[in-house]
C-alpha atoms as a PDB file:
ATOM      1  CA  MET A   1       0.000   0.000   0.000  1.00  0.00           C
ATOM      2  CA  ASP A   2       1.276   3.440  -0.900  1.00  0.00           C
ATOM      3  CA  THR A   3       1.477   5.951   1.908  1.00  0.00           C
ATOM      4  CA  PRO A   4       0.310   9.473   1.084  1.00  0.00           C
ATOM      5  CA  GLU A   5       2.911  12.196   1.119  1.00  0.00           C
ATOM      6  CA  LEU A   6       3.089  14.406   4.189  1.00  0.00           C
ATOM      7  CA  SER A   7       2.565  17.981   3.033  1.00  0.00           C
ATOM      8  CA  PRO A   8       5.563  20.331   3.279  1.00  0.00           C
ATOM      9  CA  HIS A   9       3.417  22.605   5.487  1.00  0.00           C
ATOM     10  CA  LEU A  10       2.838  19.838   8.042  1.00  0.00           C
ATOM     11  CA  LEU A  11       6.470  18.743   7.872  1.00  0.00           C
ATOM     12  CA  LYS A  12       7.586  22.304   8.675  1.00  0.00           C
ATOM     13  CA  ALA A  13       4.882  22.708  11.341  1.00  0.00           C
ATOM     14  CA  GLY A  14       6.116  19.537  13.050  1.00  0.00           C
ATOM     15  CA  ALA A  15       9.622  20.988  13.324  1.00  0.00           C
ATOM     16  CA  GLU A  16       8.119  24.209  14.713  1.00  0.00           C
ATOM     17  CA  TYR A  17       6.077  22.142  17.176  1.00  0.00           C
ATOM     18  CA  LEU A  18       9.237  20.494  18.504  1.00  0.00           C
ATOM     19  CA  ARG A  19      10.993  23.871  18.870  1.00  0.00           C
ATOM     20  CA  ALA A  20       7.949  25.237  20.699  1.00  0.00           C
ATOM     21  CA  LEU A  21       7.864  22.243  23.058  1.00  0.00           C
ATOM     22  CA  ASP A  22      11.560  22.718  23.803  1.00  0.00           C
ATOM     23  CA  THR A  23      10.945  26.424  24.491  1.00  0.00           C
ATOM     24  CA  LEU A  24       8.032  25.584  26.789  1.00  0.00           C
ATOM     25  CA  GLY A  25      10.273  23.199  28.718  1.00  0.00           C
ATOM     26  CA  LEU A  26       9.001  19.821  27.565  1.00  0.00           C
ATOM     27  CA  LYS A  27      11.850  17.860  25.983  1.00  0.00           C
ATOM     28  CA  PRO A  28      10.192  14.839  24.377  1.00  0.00           C
ATOM     29  CA  ASP A  29      12.146  11.656  23.759  1.00  0.00           C
ATOM     30  CA  GLY A  30      10.652  11.540  20.305  1.00  0.00           C
ATOM     31  CA  LEU A  31       8.404  13.398  17.914  1.00  0.00           C
ATOM     32  CA  THR A  32       7.294  11.977  14.587  1.00  0.00           C
ATOM     33  CA  TRP A  33       4.486  12.010  12.083  1.00  0.00           C
ATOM     34  CA  VAL A  34       2.833   8.633  11.548  1.00  0.00           C
ATOM     35  CA  TYR A  35       0.258   7.694   8.943  1.00  0.00           C
ATOM     36  CA  ASP A  36      -2.650   5.740  10.436  1.00  0.00           C
ATOM     37  CA  VAL A  37      -3.779   3.424   7.634  1.00  0.00           C
ATOM     38  CA  ASP A  38      -7.172   2.582   9.164  1.00  0.00           C
ATOM     39  CA  ALA A  39      -8.107   6.206   9.837  1.00  0.00           C
ATOM     40  CA  SER A  40      -6.504   7.405   6.581  1.00  0.00           C
ATOM     41  CA  ARG A  41      -4.830  10.339   8.299  1.00  0.00           C
ATOM     42  CA  PHE A  42      -1.587  11.573   9.742  1.00  0.00           C
ATOM     43  CA  ALA A  43      -0.985  11.872  13.476  1.00  0.00           C
ATOM     44  CA  LEU A  44       1.858  13.499  15.387  1.00  0.00           C
ATOM     45  CA  TRP A  45       3.259  11.158  18.027  1.00  0.00           C
ATOM     46  CA  LEU A  46       4.881  12.823  21.007  1.00  0.00           C
ATOM     47  CA  ILE A  47       6.927  10.187  22.817  1.00  0.00           C
ATOM     48  CA  TRP A  48       8.000  11.106  26.336  1.00  0.00           C
ATOM     49  CA  ALA A  49       9.005   9.008  29.339  1.00  0.00           C
ATOM     50  CA  GLY A  50       7.033  11.375  31.585  1.00  0.00           C
ATOM     51  CA  VAL A  51       3.794   9.892  30.224  1.00  0.00           C
ATOM     52  CA  ASP A  52       4.169   7.009  32.658  1.00  0.00           C
ATOM     53  CA  LYS A  53       4.504   9.347  35.623  1.00  0.00           C
ATOM     54  CA  TYR A  54       2.304  12.355  34.790  1.00  0.00           C
ATOM     55  CA  SER A  55      -0.416  10.698  32.633  1.00  0.00           C
ATOM     56  CA  PRO A  56      -1.454  11.360  29.036  1.00  0.00           C
ATOM     57  CA  PHE A  57      -4.492  13.303  30.290  1.00  0.00           C
ATOM     58  CA  GLU A  58      -2.394  15.851  32.205  1.00  0.00           C
ATOM     59  CA  ILE A  59       0.044  16.241  29.330  1.00  0.00           C
ATOM     60  CA  ASN A  60      -2.732  16.653  26.759  1.00  0.00           C
ATOM     61  CA  LYS A  61      -4.477  19.169  28.992  1.00  0.00           C
ATOM     62  CA  ARG A  62      -1.321  21.307  28.987  1.00  0.00           C
ATOM     63  CA  LEU A  63      -0.818  20.838  25.238  1.00  0.00           C
ATOM     64  CA  PHE A  64      -4.354  22.132  24.616  1.00  0.00           C
ATOM     65  CA  ARG A  65      -3.694  25.108  26.900  1.00  0.00           C
ATOM     66  CA  ALA A  66      -0.465  25.885  25.037  1.00  0.00           C
ATOM     67  CA  TYR A  67      -2.282  25.591  21.699  1.00  0.00           C
ATOM     68  CA  ASN A  68      -5.072  27.908  22.873  1.00  0.00           C
ATOM     69  CA  ALA A  69      -2.443  30.411  24.057  1.00  0.00           C
ATOM     70  CA  ALA A  70      -0.871  30.243  20.556  1.00  0.00           C
ATOM     71  CA  ALA A  71       2.370  28.845  22.010  1.00  0.00           C
ATOM     72  CA  LEU A  72       2.194  25.849  19.646  1.00  0.00           C
ATOM     73  CA  PRO A  73       1.801  25.960  15.840  1.00  0.00           C
ATOM     74  CA  GLN A  74      -1.832  26.536  14.986  1.00  0.00           C
ATOM     75  CA  LEU A  75      -1.578  24.379  11.854  1.00  0.00           C
ATOM     76  CA  ILE A  76      -1.330  21.273  14.062  1.00  0.00           C
ATOM     77  CA  ASP A  77      -4.716  20.509  15.560  1.00  0.00           C
ATOM     78  CA  PRO A  78      -4.253  19.262  19.147  1.00  0.00           C
ATOM     79  CA  PHE A  79      -6.494  16.313  18.303  1.00  0.00           C
ATOM     80  CA  TRP A  80      -3.786  15.132  15.882  1.00  0.00           C
ATOM     81  CA  VAL A  81      -1.228  14.817  18.693  1.00  0.00           C
ATOM     82  CA  PHE A  82      -0.929  11.498  20.513  1.00  0.00           C
ATOM     83  CA  VAL A  83       1.099  11.310  23.717  1.00  0.00           C
ATOM     84  CA  ILE A  84       2.869   7.955  23.891  1.00  0.00           C
ATOM     85  CA  SER A  85       5.125   6.246  26.399  1.00  0.00           C
ATOM     86  CA  PRO A  86       8.445   4.945  25.077  1.00  0.00           C
ATOM     87  CA  LYS A  87       7.594   1.740  26.996  1.00  0.00           C
ATOM     88  CA  SER A  88       4.470   1.160  24.888  1.00  0.00           C
ATOM     89  CA  THR A  89       4.505  -1.112  21.847  1.00  0.00           C
ATOM     90  CA  MET A  90       4.137   1.912  19.584  1.00  0.00           C
ATOM     91  CA  GLY A  91       6.950   3.773  21.366  1.00  0.00           C
ATOM     92  CA  LYS A  92       9.214   0.732  21.055  1.00  0.00           C
ATOM     93  CA  ASN A  93       8.363   0.408  17.358  1.00  0.00           C
ATOM     94  CA  VAL A  94       9.406   4.017  16.738  1.00  0.00           C
ATOM     95  CA  LYS A  95      12.595   3.530  18.770  1.00  0.00           C
ATOM     96  CA  ASP A  96      13.465   0.416  16.735  1.00  0.00           C
ATOM     97  CA  PHE A  97      12.763   2.269  13.500  1.00  0.00           C
ATOM     98  CA  ALA A  98      14.869   5.272  14.566  1.00  0.00           C
ATOM     99  CA  ALA A  99      17.785   2.951  15.377  1.00  0.00           C
ATOM    100  CA  ALA A 100      17.477   1.019  12.093  1.00  0.00           C
ATOM    101  CA  ASN A 101      18.821   2.125   8.766  1.00  0.00           C
ATOM    102  CA  ALA A 102      15.443   1.956   7.018  1.00  0.00           C
ATOM    103  CA  GLU A 103      13.790   4.614   4.916  1.00  0.00           C
ATOM    104  CA  ALA A 104      10.211   3.633   5.818  1.00  0.00           C
ATOM    105  CA  VAL A 105       8.362   0.929   7.706  1.00  0.00           C
ATOM    106  CA  GLU A 106       4.855  -0.324   8.422  1.00  0.00           C
ATOM    107  CA  PHE A 107       4.034  -1.667  11.872  1.00  0.00           C
ATOM    108  CA  GLY A 108       1.063  -2.508  14.064  1.00  0.00           C
ATOM    109  CA  ASP A 109      -0.050  -1.358  17.480  1.00  0.00           C
ATOM    110  CA  GLY A 110       0.377  -4.701  19.223  1.00  0.00           C
ATOM    111  CA  ALA A 111      -3.350  -5.448  19.268  1.00  0.00           C
ATOM    112  CA  PRO A 112      -4.605  -8.951  18.487  1.00  0.00           C
ATOM    113  CA  PRO A 113      -4.005  -9.862  14.818  1.00  0.00           C
ATOM    114  CA  ASN A 114      -7.632  -9.418  13.775  1.00  0.00           C
ATOM    115  CA  THR A 115      -7.829  -5.866  15.149  1.00  0.00           C
ATOM    116  CA  LYS A 116      -4.280  -4.618  14.536  1.00  0.00           C
ATOM    117  CA  THR A 117      -4.069  -1.016  13.354  1.00  0.00           C
ATOM    118  CA  LEU A 118      -1.359  -0.379  10.791  1.00  0.00           C
ATOM    119  CA  PHE A 119       0.891   2.666  10.844  1.00  0.00           C
ATOM    120  CA  HIS A 120       3.395   3.909   8.299  1.00  0.00           C
ATOM    121  CA  ILE A 121       6.404   5.952   9.291  1.00  0.00           C
ATOM    122  CA  HIS A 122       9.083   7.501   7.103  1.00  0.00           C
ATOM    123  CA  ARG A 123      12.610   8.572   8.038  1.00  0.00           C
ATOM    124  CA  ASP A 124      11.912  12.193   6.984  1.00  0.00           C
ATOM    125  CA  TRP A 125       8.973  12.396   9.391  1.00  0.00           C
ATOM    126  CA  VAL A 126      11.044  11.684  12.531  1.00  0.00           C
ATOM    127  CA  TYR A 127      12.163  14.924  14.194  1.00  0.00           C
ATOM    128  CA  ARG A 128      13.762  13.391  17.261  1.00  0.00           C
ATOM    129  CA  PHE A 129      14.298  10.144  19.057  1.00  0.00           C
ATOM    130  CA  THR A 130      16.663  10.133  22.029  1.00  0.00           C
ATOM    131  CA  SER A 131      17.273   8.064  25.119  1.00  0.00           C
ATOM    132  CA  ARG A 132      15.271   8.461  28.305  1.00  0.00           C
ATOM    133  CA  PRO A 133      16.212  11.252  30.685  1.00  0.00           C
ATOM    134  CA  THR A 134      16.739  10.647  34.383  1.00  0.00           C
ATOM    135  CA  SER A 135      13.844  10.895  36.845  1.00  0.00           C
ATOM    136  CA  LEU A 136      15.205  14.264  37.959  1.00  0.00           C
ATOM    137  CA  GLY A 137      15.291  15.402  34.327  1.00  0.00           C
ATOM    138  CA  LEU A 138      11.670  14.352  33.834  1.00  0.00           C
ATOM    139  CA  PHE A 139      10.619  16.225  36.949  1.00  0.00           C
ATOM    140  CA  LYS A 140      12.451  19.388  35.868  1.00  0.00           C
ATOM    141  CA  ASN A 141      10.955  19.164  32.343  1.00  0.00           C
ATOM    142  CA  TRP A 142       7.458  18.699  33.735  1.00  0.00           C
ATOM    143  CA  ARG A 143       7.780  21.469  36.308  1.00  0.00           C
ATOM    144  CA  ARG A 144       9.087  23.973  33.754  1.00  0.00           C
ATOM    145  CA  PHE A 145       6.535  22.945  31.124  1.00  0.00           C
ATOM    146  CA  THR A 146       3.536  23.173  33.469  1.00  0.00           C
ATOM    147  CA  ALA A 147       4.665  26.492  34.947  1.00  0.00           C
ATOM    148  CA  THR A 148       5.275  28.026  31.515  1.00  0.00           C
ATOM    149  CA  VAL A 149       1.993  26.820  30.010  1.00  0.00           C
ATOM    150  CA  ASP A 150      -0.060  27.714  33.088  1.00  0.00           C
ATOM    151  CA  ALA A 151       1.435  31.251  33.014  1.00  0.00           C
ATOM    152  CA  LEU A 152       0.608  31.621  29.308  1.00  0.00           C
ATOM    153  CA  ALA A 153      -2.943  30.408  29.850  1.00  0.00           C
ATOM    154  CA  ALA A 154      -3.594  32.739  32.786  1.00  0.00           C
END
C-alpha cells in the first residue's frame, strides 16, 4: 500500500512544534508524524518518558492550553497529537525504527491480529528520538513545562 505524502506545510509545522515544546520546557524523547492506515490520516506522536509518571491526560491538557495560548503551531490541531510512552509497543516500534537504517516501515499497534491497526512511518517524518532522561530530568521538564503553560494560559 502506498502511503500518502506528508505535506511540506505539516512537515515544517512539526519541526516548529518540537521547537515550541523545547521552548516551553518539555523535551520529548521523540516526535514523529505517523500515517494511520485505518483512519486514513496523519498523526503526530509525542513520545515522552514522563507519560508514565504524569499521565497522558495531564500532558494533553497542557498541550491544549499551550495551543489555545498560541504557544504551539496553529496548523497542528491538538487532536492530531498522541502522547505515547516509550515503553508502549508503539513507542518501542518508533525507537526500533529510529535505530534502524530503514527509509520507511509499516508496523502494528500490538493489538490482536484481527484488530491490529497499521501505521506507516518515514525517516523524513522523525524529528527526534533520544534516550530516556533521568527521573530528575523528567521532573524538571514537567515542572518547567507546566509552569510556563499555566502562566501563558492565565
